[in-house]
Amino acid sequence: MEEREIETPRGPARVRVTRPRGKVASVLVLGHGAGGDVDAPDLVAVHDAATAGGVQVVLVTQPYRVAGRRAPAPAGHLDEAWVAVVRSLGVRRKPLIVGGRSSGARVACRTAVELGAAGVLALAFPLHPPGKPERSRADELPADLPTLVLNGDRDAFGVPESSGAVEVVVRPGATHDLRKDVKGTADLAVAWLRTQGWAR
């Protein structure tokens, strides 16, 4: 595992890079939720399962969190920093999959096409603010890229519907933090990566 800071237009971000043993099948870059960090249980579980499946995993901490702030930066700032980080990784010869949990999933969805990603892995995609279903963010999901969304059926932020290239898998009994059966959630993520040819 390697950890380093990367300069972005919004300040330094931090990346934690884990290479799998053997040949690298793909590169999975994951971002954290709005007030959380890359040590969230679902991100850790996906990290561990993906690296075991031959995936190089990069966990990205946004500049506002590196600076010690909990309140998230505006969406445009998050996207700008994320794009700078992912581009700095120089992923060219392997499939690039972007993703994250909650706010990080939204950032990955909004920027996936711009970054030339092969697919998106969205954990707890927040379809709308709690109690405000009229403020849907469904249009942020990439219509033409293979996308797996893993949401709990008790998520107060809502659950998107499968549509086009977007496959939604609902985790029974799970809330927005996806802490219930994180191993099962991670197994579903890696099974999807395998079906796409992005994991061993």
Foldseek 3Di string as FASTA:
>chain_A
DDKDWDQFPLGIKIKDKDFAPDAAQAEEEEEEAQQDACVQLLNVLLCVLQSPFRHIYMYMGDRCVVVPDRGHDDLVSRLRRVLRVVVVVVDDPHAYEYEYEASRRLSCLQCVVVNVHQEYEYELHQQAPQPCNVRGPVVSHDQAHQYEYEHEPAESSDFDDDHHNYHYDYDYPDYRSRPPPSNVVSVVVVVVCVVVSRGD
